[in-house]
Amino acid sequence: MTYKQDPMTDIPVSSLTYAIKGQRLLEQNGYTVWAGRVTGCGYKLTIRGGEDKAEMARALLMQNGIRLARRSRNGEEGGGR
């Protein structure tokens, strides 16, 4: 038997503190989410669900003061400062 795997979407955040706070916030709102490190320096939240669900999660995070990491011109995650 095979199962269809839900897509995963990464949301870069500016610090470990925001990753943990964001994970708690999203879990309280029904999301399946993991906090983790990105290659190099930085942190991310991995959301189970496609881009639509990730966009709603990003909005919820920003509404609650969770700082997302900026992206550089080449698309790599950058720090939150």
N, C-alpha and C. Protein backbone atom coordinates (compact mmCIF):
# COMPACT_ATOMS: atom_id res chain seq x y z
N MET A 1 0.84 -1.17 0.00
CA MET A 1 0.00 0.00 0.00
C MET A 1 0.90 1.24 0.00
N THR A 2 0.59 2.23 -0.84
CA THR A 2 1.37 3.46 -0.87
C THR A 2 0.51 4.61 -0.36
N TYR A 3 1.18 5.56 0.24
CA TYR A 3 0.51 6.74 0.76
C TYR A 3 1.01 7.97 0.02
N LYS A 4 0.11 8.87 -0.25
CA LYS A 4 0.51 10.13 -0.85
C LYS A 4 1.11 10.99 0.25
N GLN A 5 2.33 11.44 0.02
CA GLN A 5 3.00 12.26 1.04
C GLN A 5 2.66 13.73 0.81
N ASP A 6 2.27 14.41 1.87
CA ASP A 6 1.99 15.83 1.78
C ASP A 6 3.27 16.59 1.47
N PRO A 7 3.16 17.65 0.68
CA PRO A 7 4.36 18.45 0.41
C PRO A 7 4.81 19.16 1.69
N MET A 8 6.09 19.46 1.77
CA MET A 8 6.66 20.20 2.89
C MET A 8 7.16 21.54 2.37
N THR A 9 6.95 22.59 3.14
CA THR A 9 7.39 23.92 2.76
C THR A 9 8.19 24.52 3.89
N ASP A 10 9.36 25.07 3.58
CA ASP A 10 10.22 25.71 4.58
C ASP A 10 9.95 27.21 4.63
N ILE A 11 9.89 27.72 5.86
CA ILE A 11 9.75 29.16 6.09
C ILE A 11 10.95 29.59 6.92
N PRO A 12 11.88 30.35 6.34
CA PRO A 12 13.05 30.79 7.11
C PRO A 12 12.66 31.84 8.15
N VAL A 13 13.18 31.70 9.36
CA VAL A 13 12.94 32.68 10.43
C VAL A 13 14.28 33.26 10.87
N SER A 14 14.24 34.37 11.59
CA SER A 14 15.45 35.12 11.86
C SER A 14 16.29 34.61 13.03
N SER A 15 15.75 33.72 13.87
CA SER A 15 16.53 33.25 15.01
C SER A 15 15.94 31.95 15.56
N LEU A 16 16.71 31.29 16.41
CA LEU A 16 16.22 30.08 17.08
C LEU A 16 15.01 30.39 17.94
N THR A 17 15.06 31.51 18.63
CA THR A 17 13.93 31.91 19.48
C THR A 17 12.65 32.02 18.67
N TYR A 18 12.72 32.69 17.50
CA TYR A 18 11.54 32.83 16.67
C TYR A 18 11.11 31.49 16.08
N ALA A 19 12.05 30.60 15.81
CA ALA A 19 11.69 29.27 15.31
C ALA A 19 10.87 28.52 16.34
N ILE A 20 11.30 28.55 17.59
CA ILE A 20 10.57 27.84 18.65
C ILE A 20 9.22 28.49 18.92
N LYS A 21 9.21 29.83 19.03
CA LYS A 21 7.93 30.52 19.25
C LYS A 21 6.97 30.29 18.09
N GLY A 22 7.50 30.32 16.86
CA GLY A 22 6.67 30.10 15.68
C GLY A 22 6.12 28.69 15.64
N GLN A 23 6.94 27.72 16.02
CA GLN A 23 6.48 26.33 16.04
C GLN A 23 5.31 26.19 17.01
N ARG A 24 5.45 26.74 18.20
CA ARG A 24 4.37 26.66 19.19
C ARG A 24 3.09 27.32 18.68
N LEU A 25 3.25 28.52 18.11
CA LEU A 25 2.09 29.26 17.60
C LEU A 25 1.37 28.46 16.52
N LEU A 26 2.13 27.94 15.57
CA LEU A 26 1.50 27.20 14.47
C LEU A 26 0.87 25.90 14.96
N GLU A 27 1.52 25.20 15.88
CA GLU A 27 0.93 23.97 16.43
C GLU A 27 -0.39 24.28 17.13
N GLN A 28 -0.46 25.39 17.86
CA GLN A 28 -1.69 25.77 18.55
C GLN A 28 -2.81 26.09 17.57
N ASN A 29 -2.42 26.40 16.31
CA ASN A 29 -3.40 26.72 15.29
C ASN A 29 -3.61 25.59 14.29
N GLY A 30 -3.22 24.37 14.68
CA GLY A 30 -3.54 23.19 13.90
C GLY A 30 -2.55 22.79 12.81
N TYR A 31 -1.40 23.43 12.75
CA TYR A 31 -0.40 23.08 11.74
C TYR A 31 0.49 21.94 12.25
N THR A 32 0.99 21.14 11.32
CA THR A 32 2.05 20.18 11.61
C THR A 32 3.33 20.88 11.19
N VAL A 33 4.24 21.11 12.15
CA VAL A 33 5.39 21.96 11.89
C VAL A 33 6.59 21.49 12.69
N TRP A 34 7.79 21.67 12.13
CA TRP A 34 9.04 21.36 12.82
C TRP A 34 9.96 22.57 12.73
N ALA A 35 10.69 22.85 13.79
CA ALA A 35 11.71 23.89 13.78
C ALA A 35 13.06 23.23 13.55
N GLY A 36 13.92 23.87 12.75
CA GLY A 36 15.23 23.28 12.48
C GLY A 36 16.20 24.31 11.95
N ARG A 37 17.44 23.85 11.73
CA ARG A 37 18.50 24.69 11.18
C ARG A 37 18.55 24.56 9.68
N VAL A 38 18.98 25.64 9.02
CA VAL A 38 19.26 25.58 7.60
C VAL A 38 20.76 25.41 7.43
N THR A 39 21.20 24.98 6.26
CA THR A 39 22.62 24.83 6.00
C THR A 39 23.30 26.19 6.15
N GLY A 40 24.44 26.21 6.79
CA GLY A 40 25.11 27.47 7.08
C GLY A 40 24.60 27.99 8.41
N CYS A 41 24.13 29.20 8.42
CA CYS A 41 23.57 29.72 9.67
C CYS A 41 22.15 30.18 9.40
N GLY A 42 21.29 29.89 10.31
CA GLY A 42 19.90 30.28 10.18
C GLY A 42 18.98 29.18 10.65
N TYR A 43 17.71 29.51 10.75
CA TYR A 43 16.70 28.58 11.24
C TYR A 43 15.49 28.63 10.34
N LYS A 44 14.70 27.58 10.40
CA LYS A 44 13.51 27.49 9.56
C LYS A 44 12.41 26.76 10.29
N LEU A 45 11.21 26.97 9.80
CA LEU A 45 10.05 26.18 10.18
C LEU A 45 9.66 25.38 8.95
N THR A 46 9.46 24.09 9.10
CA THR A 46 9.01 23.25 8.01
C THR A 46 7.55 22.93 8.26
N ILE A 47 6.72 23.32 7.32
CA ILE A 47 5.27 23.17 7.42
C ILE A 47 4.82 22.00 6.56
N ARG A 48 3.99 21.13 7.09
CA ARG A 48 3.38 20.08 6.26
C ARG A 48 2.22 20.72 5.52
N GLY A 49 2.32 20.72 4.21
CA GLY A 49 1.29 21.32 3.37
C GLY A 49 1.94 22.11 2.26
N GLY A 50 1.18 22.42 1.27
CA GLY A 50 1.68 23.13 0.10
C GLY A 50 1.87 24.62 0.33
N GLU A 51 2.12 25.31 -0.75
CA GLU A 51 2.43 26.74 -0.69
C GLU A 51 1.25 27.56 -0.16
N ASP A 52 0.02 27.15 -0.47
CA ASP A 52 -1.15 27.89 0.04
C ASP A 52 -1.18 27.87 1.57
N LYS A 53 -0.97 26.70 2.13
CA LYS A 53 -0.97 26.56 3.59
C LYS A 53 0.21 27.33 4.19
N ALA A 54 1.36 27.31 3.51
CA ALA A 54 2.54 28.03 3.99
C ALA A 54 2.29 29.54 3.97
N GLU A 55 1.59 30.04 2.97
CA GLU A 55 1.29 31.49 2.91
C GLU A 55 0.41 31.90 4.09
N MET A 56 -0.57 31.06 4.43
CA MET A 56 -1.41 31.36 5.60
C MET A 56 -0.59 31.32 6.88
N ALA A 57 0.35 30.37 6.95
CA ALA A 57 1.22 30.27 8.12
C ALA A 57 2.12 31.50 8.23
N ARG A 58 2.69 31.94 7.11
CA ARG A 58 3.54 33.15 7.11
C ARG A 58 2.76 34.36 7.64
N ALA A 59 1.54 34.51 7.16
CA ALA A 59 0.71 35.63 7.60
C ALA A 59 0.45 35.55 9.11
N LEU A 60 0.13 34.37 9.61
CA LEU A 60 -0.12 34.18 11.04
C LEU A 60 1.12 34.50 11.86
N LEU A 61 2.28 34.04 11.38
CA LEU A 61 3.53 34.33 12.09
C LEU A 61 3.78 35.83 12.16
N MET A 62 3.65 36.52 11.03
CA MET A 62 3.92 37.96 11.01
C MET A 62 2.92 38.74 11.87
N GLN A 63 1.65 38.32 11.86
CA GLN A 63 0.63 38.98 12.68
C GLN A 63 0.94 38.85 14.17
N ASN A 64 1.69 37.82 14.53
CA ASN A 64 2.01 37.57 15.93
C ASN A 64 3.45 37.93 16.28
N GLY A 65 4.10 38.73 15.45
CA GLY A 65 5.41 39.27 15.78
C GLY A 65 6.59 38.34 15.56
N ILE A 66 6.41 37.25 14.82
CA ILE A 66 7.51 36.34 14.53
C ILE A 66 8.25 36.89 13.31
N ARG A 67 9.56 37.19 13.49
CA ARG A 67 10.34 37.78 12.40
C ARG A 67 10.82 36.70 11.45
N LEU A 68 10.46 36.87 10.19
CA LEU A 68 10.91 35.95 9.16
C LEU A 68 12.26 36.44 8.63
N ALA A 69 13.08 35.51 8.19
CA ALA A 69 14.39 35.87 7.63
C ALA A 69 14.19 36.46 6.25
N ARG A 70 15.07 37.39 5.91
CA ARG A 70 15.03 37.97 4.57
C ARG A 70 15.71 37.02 3.60
N ARG A 71 15.36 37.16 2.36
CA ARG A 71 16.01 36.37 1.30
C ARG A 71 16.93 37.30 0.52
N SER A 72 18.09 36.79 0.15
CA SER A 72 19.02 37.57 -0.65
C SER A 72 18.59 37.54 -2.12
N ARG A 73 19.29 38.27 -2.95
CA ARG A 73 18.94 38.31 -4.37
C ARG A 73 19.03 36.96 -5.04
N ASN A 74 19.94 36.09 -4.55
CA ASN A 74 20.08 34.78 -5.18
C ASN A 74 19.16 33.73 -4.56
N GLY A 75 18.26 34.16 -3.67
CA GLY A 75 17.25 33.25 -3.13
C GLY A 75 17.64 32.53 -1.86
N GLU A 76 18.88 32.73 -1.38
CA GLU A 76 19.30 32.06 -0.16
C GLU A 76 18.78 32.82 1.04
N GLU A 77 18.58 32.06 2.15
CA GLU A 77 18.12 32.69 3.36
C GLU A 77 19.18 33.60 3.92
N GLY A 78 18.73 34.70 4.50
CA GLY A 78 19.65 35.60 5.15
C GLY A 78 19.24 35.78 6.59
N GLY A 79 20.02 36.48 7.34
CA GLY A 79 19.69 36.74 8.74
C GLY A 79 18.54 37.70 8.85
N GLY A 80 18.03 37.83 10.05
CA GLY A 80 16.88 38.69 10.28
C GLY A 80 17.23 40.12 10.61
N ARG A 81 18.51 40.42 10.66
CA ARG A 81 18.90 41.79 11.02
C ARG A 81 18.97 42.69 9.84
